[in-house]
Amino acid sequence: MTVRAKVGDRLHFKGRQVGMKEHTAEVTAVLGEKGEPPYRVRHDNGHEAVVVPESDCTVESRD
């Protein structure tokens, strides 16, 4: 399944390693076509990054 998101959506990442917490990030830019990754995101701690979400990530639509 392909992840699709738009600016303002929130990505929810599950902890994939022991001790890694679940966390969220807001999509600030969609760099792929038709809502597909990669995405520029701002994590809740303020860190910004470009990510390509994997199957353990879910999208919460802003709509």
Protein backbone atom coordinates (compact mmCIF):
# COMPACT_ATOMS: atom_id res chain seq x y z
CA MET A 1 0.00 0.00 0.00
CA THR A 2 1.37 3.40 -0.97
CA VAL A 3 1.26 6.17 1.60
CA ARG A 4 -0.37 9.37 0.37
CA ALA A 5 -0.41 12.61 2.32
CA LYS A 6 -0.80 16.34 1.86
CA VAL A 7 0.58 19.41 3.59
CA GLY A 8 -0.87 19.65 7.09
CA ASP A 9 -1.47 15.91 7.51
CA ARG A 10 0.16 14.17 10.46
CA LEU A 11 2.30 11.07 10.11
CA HIS A 12 2.27 8.62 13.02
CA PHE A 13 5.45 6.54 13.30
CA LYS A 14 5.50 3.42 15.46
CA GLY A 15 8.61 2.59 17.48
CA ARG A 16 10.48 -0.05 15.47
CA GLN A 17 13.23 -0.73 17.99
CA VAL A 18 13.20 -1.46 21.69
CA GLY A 19 13.08 1.84 23.55
CA MET A 20 12.00 3.84 20.52
CA LYS A 21 8.80 5.76 21.23
CA GLU A 22 5.92 6.26 18.85
CA HIS A 23 5.97 9.80 17.52
CA THR A 24 4.22 12.10 15.08
CA ALA A 25 5.26 14.68 12.53
CA GLU A 26 3.42 17.26 10.44
CA VAL A 27 3.86 17.19 6.66
CA THR A 28 5.21 20.60 5.58
CA ALA A 29 5.91 19.71 1.92
CA VAL A 30 5.10 16.86 -0.46
CA LEU A 31 8.11 16.18 -2.66
CA GLY A 32 6.66 13.23 -4.62
CA GLU A 33 3.92 13.19 -7.22
CA LYS A 34 0.21 12.84 -6.42
CA GLY A 35 0.72 12.92 -2.65
CA GLU A 36 3.36 10.20 -2.62
CA PRO A 37 6.65 10.32 -0.65
CA PRO A 38 9.13 11.70 0.05
CA TYR A 39 7.77 14.30 2.50
CA ARG A 40 9.40 17.15 4.35
CA VAL A 41 8.12 16.94 7.93
CA ARG A 42 8.41 18.73 11.27
CA HIS A 43 8.52 16.35 14.21
CA ASP A 44 6.86 17.27 17.50
CA ASN A 45 10.29 18.08 18.98
CA GLY A 46 10.89 20.68 16.21
CA HIS A 47 13.33 18.56 14.18
CA GLU A 48 12.74 18.82 10.41
CA ALA A 49 13.62 16.06 7.97
CA VAL A 50 12.79 14.48 4.64
CA VAL A 51 11.19 11.06 5.15
CA VAL A 52 9.92 8.14 3.10
CA PRO A 53 7.45 6.41 5.44
CA GLU A 54 7.37 2.64 5.66
CA SER A 55 4.45 0.31 6.36
CA ASP A 56 4.57 1.06 10.10
CA CYS A 57 3.51 4.67 9.47
CA THR A 58 -0.09 5.87 9.30
CA VAL A 59 -1.49 9.16 7.99
CA GLU A 60 -3.97 11.32 9.89
CA SER A 61 -5.66 13.60 7.38
CA ARG A 62 -6.21 17.23 8.36
CA ASP A 63 -9.64 17.15 6.69
